[in-house]
Amino acid sequence: MQGVHGRRRAGQGDAFWQFRPYTPGDALNRLDWRQSAKSDRLFVRETEWEAAQSVALWRDAGETMRWSSGKLPQKVERAELLMLALASLLLRGGERVRLLGLRRAFAGRGVLPSLAEAMQRHMAPPGDESLPRHARAVLFGDFLQPLEETRAAVGALSARGVTGHLVQVLDPAEETLPYTGRIRFEALAAGEDPLLLPRVESVRALYAERLAAHRAGLATIAAAAGWRFTTHRTDAPPEAALLALWQALSPG
């Protein structure tokens, strides 16, 4: 399918690729008269083949993503908003969009409602052995699970030649731990015990240190696979995160 991603060879597209000598059978409207005037030969202007690219999207829909502080949206709501907005831009740009683990590819501007519906039904882990070689992937989540789990997921995709982006979505309270005094933290996942802290402020510095170390580990995992790692807080405008993702996925 035609798209906007150059394949480093001559073909259908808008970007200039190279000049080559005219051969019998070439259409006369492809002659580049300015280049031909520089010598005694006729030259044809060729464009670069631009093909549509498959971009696979995934968002974590686990229990830890369904939390928010105050009146802010849940992390999963912000992840889904960014995911659908990015899908809309990609589809309008002529790209193919997939959900990781779902073999169907979505293409065309009118498929966004179908994609949104499929996203609500599809909650598979971030693994897909059917992605084409030139695919890109964008994974949204809080990525607070052990680093080895994220490393395994990214490594499996990277081994297939898939490049991509990790977008960590966090609530601001998860970064700053703004609570004071005696606080009981309830577990989100079943089977986990609550945690009672007599003075939350006494562990704030250590908490910030652990979070920074975990985030550095995520950045290392992404860099080792040739991926990018970005962060987004639910109290920040989603437009900024969307713009950064769109620029990162754009050709060149």
Protein backbone atom coordinates (compact mmCIF):
# COMPACT_ATOMS: atom_id res chain seq x y z
CA MET A 1 0.00 0.00 0.00
CA GLN A 2 1.15 3.51 -0.73
CA GLY A 3 2.02 5.57 2.33
CA VAL A 4 4.51 8.14 3.60
CA HIS A 5 7.48 6.00 4.64
CA GLY A 6 10.35 5.88 2.15
CA ARG A 7 11.73 2.45 1.21
CA ARG A 8 15.07 3.71 -0.14
CA ARG A 9 14.30 2.69 -3.72
CA ALA A 10 12.61 4.15 -6.79
CA GLY A 11 8.84 3.91 -6.97
CA GLN A 12 5.58 5.75 -6.48
CA GLY A 13 5.87 8.70 -4.13
CA ASP A 14 6.40 12.45 -3.85
CA ALA A 15 9.98 12.72 -2.55
CA PHE A 16 12.87 13.01 -5.04
CA TRP A 17 15.06 9.92 -5.20
CA GLN A 18 17.47 10.15 -8.14
CA PHE A 19 18.09 11.08 -11.77
CA ARG A 20 18.66 8.30 -14.29
CA PRO A 21 19.30 8.37 -18.04
CA TYR A 22 16.25 8.33 -20.29
CA THR A 23 15.47 4.97 -21.89
CA PRO A 24 13.05 4.29 -24.76
CA GLY A 25 9.58 3.74 -23.36
CA ASP A 26 9.83 6.32 -20.56
CA ALA A 27 7.00 8.84 -20.51
CA LEU A 28 8.07 12.21 -21.82
CA ASN A 29 6.43 14.02 -18.90
CA ARG A 30 8.97 12.36 -16.60
CA LEU A 31 11.91 14.09 -18.30
CA ASP A 32 13.72 16.64 -16.16
CA TRP A 33 14.67 19.33 -18.65
CA ARG A 34 16.82 21.32 -16.22
CA GLN A 35 19.02 18.32 -15.44
CA SER A 36 19.09 17.28 -19.10
CA ALA A 37 20.26 20.76 -20.15
CA LYS A 38 23.48 20.27 -18.16
CA SER A 39 24.72 17.57 -20.56
CA ASP A 40 24.06 16.04 -23.96
CA ARG A 41 21.87 13.31 -22.45
CA LEU A 42 18.26 13.18 -21.35
CA PHE A 43 17.50 12.41 -17.71
CA VAL A 44 14.38 11.15 -15.96
CA ARG A 45 13.52 12.27 -12.45
CA GLU A 46 12.60 9.36 -10.16
CA THR A 47 10.75 9.54 -6.86
CA GLU A 48 11.25 7.34 -3.81
CA TRP A 49 8.85 4.49 -3.25
CA GLU A 50 6.71 5.44 -0.28
CA ALA A 51 4.84 2.56 1.31
CA ALA A 52 2.32 2.40 4.10
CA GLN A 53 3.73 1.22 7.40
CA SER A 54 2.10 -0.99 10.01
CA VAL A 55 1.98 0.59 13.46
CA ALA A 56 0.90 -1.71 16.28
CA LEU A 57 -0.65 -0.15 19.38
CA TRP A 58 -1.16 -1.56 22.87
CA ARG A 59 -2.28 -0.23 26.22
CA ASP A 60 -2.10 -1.86 29.62
CA ALA A 61 -5.60 -2.41 30.99
CA GLY A 62 -4.50 -3.96 34.28
CA GLU A 63 -5.73 -3.02 37.73
CA THR A 64 -2.92 -0.55 38.44
CA MET A 65 -3.97 1.47 35.39
CA ARG A 66 -7.48 1.96 36.79
CA TRP A 67 -6.47 4.42 39.49
CA SER A 68 -6.41 8.17 39.80
CA SER A 69 -5.88 10.80 42.46
CA GLY A 70 -8.38 13.59 42.91
CA LYS A 71 -10.43 14.48 39.85
CA LEU A 72 -7.85 13.42 37.30
CA PRO A 73 -8.66 10.74 34.71
CA GLN A 74 -7.61 7.18 35.33
CA LYS A 75 -4.33 6.22 33.74
CA VAL A 76 -6.06 3.76 31.42
CA GLU A 77 -8.43 6.52 30.23
CA ARG A 78 -5.52 8.78 29.31
CA ALA A 79 -3.67 5.90 27.65
CA GLU A 80 -6.73 5.06 25.54
CA LEU A 81 -7.23 8.70 24.60
CA LEU A 82 -3.63 9.01 23.39
CA MET A 83 -3.85 5.67 21.64
CA LEU A 84 -6.99 6.54 19.68
CA ALA A 85 -5.78 10.04 18.85
CA LEU A 86 -2.51 8.62 17.54
CA ALA A 87 -4.42 5.99 15.56
CA SER A 88 -6.55 8.73 14.01
CA LEU A 89 -3.49 10.64 12.83
CA LEU A 90 -1.86 7.49 11.48
CA LEU A 91 -4.97 6.43 9.58
CA ARG A 92 -5.37 9.90 8.09
CA GLY A 93 -1.73 9.68 6.99
CA GLY A 94 -2.39 6.48 5.05
CA GLU A 95 -0.81 4.09 7.53
CA ARG A 96 -2.12 0.73 8.71
CA VAL A 97 -2.93 0.39 12.42
CA ARG A 98 -3.08 -2.84 14.40
CA LEU A 99 -3.67 -3.83 17.98
CA LEU A 100 -0.89 -6.02 19.34
CA GLY A 101 -2.08 -9.61 19.35
CA LEU A 102 -4.89 -8.93 16.89
CA ARG A 103 -4.12 -9.96 13.31
CA ARG A 104 -6.57 -7.56 11.70
CA ALA A 105 -5.07 -4.40 10.21
CA PHE A 106 -7.16 -1.21 10.18
CA ALA A 107 -6.79 1.18 7.25
CA GLY A 108 -8.77 4.20 6.06
CA ARG A 109 -10.31 7.15 7.89
CA GLY A 110 -13.65 5.47 8.55
CA VAL A 111 -12.39 2.57 10.66
CA LEU A 112 -11.67 4.49 13.88
CA PRO A 113 -14.98 3.49 15.57
CA SER A 114 -14.28 -0.16 14.75
CA LEU A 115 -10.77 0.19 16.14
CA ALA A 116 -12.10 1.73 19.36
CA GLU A 117 -14.61 -1.08 19.76
CA ALA A 118 -11.95 -3.72 19.16
CA MET A 119 -9.68 -2.04 21.70
CA GLN A 120 -12.32 -2.38 24.41
CA ARG A 121 -12.65 -6.11 23.74
CA HIS A 122 -8.96 -6.85 23.19
CA MET A 123 -6.78 -6.89 26.31
CA ALA A 124 -3.98 -9.27 25.32
CA PRO A 125 -0.41 -8.90 26.68
CA PRO A 126 2.09 -7.01 24.47
CA GLY A 127 3.20 -9.89 22.27
CA ASP A 128 2.58 -10.49 18.57
CA GLU A 129 4.42 -12.89 16.28
CA SER A 130 2.54 -11.81 13.15
CA LEU A 131 3.84 -8.25 12.83
CA PRO A 132 5.64 -7.50 9.55
CA ARG A 133 9.34 -6.76 9.57
CA HIS A 134 9.04 -3.00 9.06
CA ALA A 135 6.37 -2.51 11.73
CA ARG A 136 6.53 -0.01 14.55
CA ALA A 137 4.93 -0.45 17.97
CA VAL A 138 3.75 2.00 20.62
CA LEU A 139 3.07 0.60 24.10
CA PHE A 140 1.16 2.64 26.70
CA GLY A 141 1.19 1.69 30.39
CA ASP A 142 2.50 2.61 33.81
CA PHE A 143 5.18 -0.11 33.50
CA LEU A 144 5.40 -0.43 37.28
CA GLN A 145 5.75 -4.20 37.10
CA PRO A 146 9.22 -5.76 37.55
CA LEU A 147 11.65 -4.62 34.87
CA GLU A 148 12.20 -8.18 33.67
CA GLU A 149 8.61 -8.40 32.46
CA THR A 150 8.99 -5.26 30.37
CA ARG A 151 12.39 -6.40 29.10
CA ALA A 152 10.91 -9.71 27.94
CA ALA A 153 8.02 -8.01 26.12
CA VAL A 154 10.22 -5.46 24.35
CA GLY A 155 12.86 -8.08 23.59
CA ALA A 156 10.34 -10.38 21.91
CA LEU A 157 9.19 -7.58 19.60
CA SER A 158 12.71 -6.30 18.98
CA ALA A 159 13.87 -9.77 17.97
CA ARG A 160 11.41 -9.60 15.08
CA GLY A 161 12.86 -6.30 13.88
CA VAL A 162 10.04 -4.23 15.35
CA THR A 163 11.03 -0.77 16.57
CA GLY A 164 8.88 1.28 18.86
CA HIS A 165 8.14 3.47 21.82
CA LEU A 166 7.33 2.96 25.48
CA VAL A 167 5.00 5.63 26.89
CA GLN A 168 4.80 5.53 30.68
CA VAL A 169 1.55 7.07 31.92
CA LEU A 170 1.53 7.97 35.62
CA ASP A 171 -0.70 9.87 37.98
CA PRO A 172 1.15 12.86 39.54
CA ALA A 173 0.60 11.39 43.02
CA GLU A 174 2.62 8.37 41.93
CA GLU A 175 5.55 10.65 41.24
CA THR A 176 5.41 13.00 44.20
CA LEU A 177 3.77 10.89 46.96
CA PRO A 178 2.07 14.04 48.34
CA TYR A 179 0.44 12.40 51.38
CA THR A 180 1.37 13.13 54.97
CA GLY A 181 0.76 11.44 58.27
CA ARG A 182 -0.67 7.99 58.88
CA ILE A 183 -1.92 6.53 55.57
CA ARG A 184 -3.27 3.11 54.68
CA PHE A 185 -2.59 2.15 51.06
CA GLU A 186 -5.02 -0.42 49.70
CA ALA A 187 -3.90 -2.96 47.12
CA LEU A 188 -5.37 -2.74 43.64
CA ALA A 189 -4.61 -6.30 42.61
CA ALA A 190 -6.38 -9.23 44.24
CA GLY A 191 -4.35 -11.18 46.77
CA GLU A 192 -2.08 -8.30 47.77
CA ASP A 193 -2.07 -6.99 51.33
CA PRO A 194 -2.63 -3.31 52.21
CA LEU A 195 0.27 -1.22 53.49
CA LEU A 196 0.00 1.00 56.56
CA LEU A 197 2.60 3.77 56.92
CA PRO A 198 2.66 5.78 60.17
CA ARG A 199 4.44 8.76 58.51
CA VAL A 200 4.37 8.79 54.73
CA GLU A 201 6.68 11.81 54.53
CA SER A 202 9.47 9.76 56.09
CA VAL A 203 9.68 7.51 53.02
CA ARG A 204 9.10 10.15 50.35
CA ALA A 205 12.79 10.60 49.49
CA LEU A 206 13.39 6.85 49.26
CA TYR A 207 10.25 6.44 47.18
CA ALA A 208 11.43 9.10 44.72
CA GLU A 209 14.81 7.39 44.50
CA ARG A 210 13.24 3.99 43.78
CA LEU A 211 10.92 5.46 41.14
CA ALA A 212 13.82 7.23 39.43
CA ALA A 213 15.82 4.00 39.39
CA HIS A 214 12.88 2.10 37.93
CA ARG A 215 12.36 4.73 35.24
CA ALA A 216 16.06 4.66 34.39
CA GLY A 217 15.75 0.91 33.99
CA LEU A 218 12.88 1.36 31.54
CA ALA A 219 14.90 3.86 29.54
CA THR A 220 17.81 1.40 29.42
CA ILE A 221 15.53 -1.39 28.18
CA ALA A 222 14.18 0.85 25.44
CA ALA A 223 17.62 2.10 24.38
CA ALA A 224 19.06 -1.43 24.23
CA ALA A 225 16.31 -2.43 21.78
CA GLY A 226 16.63 0.75 19.69
CA TRP A 227 13.31 2.01 21.06
CA ARG A 228 12.35 5.33 22.64
CA PHE A 229 11.03 5.90 26.15
CA THR A 230 8.83 8.83 27.14
CA THR A 231 6.73 9.70 30.18
CA HIS A 232 3.37 11.41 30.55
CA ARG A 233 1.43 12.54 33.61
CA THR A 234 -2.34 12.59 33.68
CA ASP A 235 -2.34 16.20 34.89
CA ALA A 236 -0.44 17.30 31.76
CA PRO A 237 -2.13 18.23 28.45
CA PRO A 238 -2.43 15.15 26.26
CA GLU A 239 -1.69 17.25 23.17
CA ALA A 240 1.99 17.55 24.10
CA ALA A 241 2.42 13.78 24.40
CA LEU A 242 0.53 13.20 21.15
CA LEU A 243 2.66 15.73 19.27
CA ALA A 244 5.88 14.11 20.52
CA LEU A 245 4.68 10.68 19.44
CA TRP A 246 3.54 11.90 16.03
CA GLN A 247 6.88 13.58 15.38
CA ALA A 248 8.76 10.45 16.48
CA LEU A 249 6.74 8.27 14.09
CA SER A 250 6.97 10.64 11.14
CA PRO A 251 9.43 9.84 8.34
CA GLY A 252 12.89 11.34 8.64
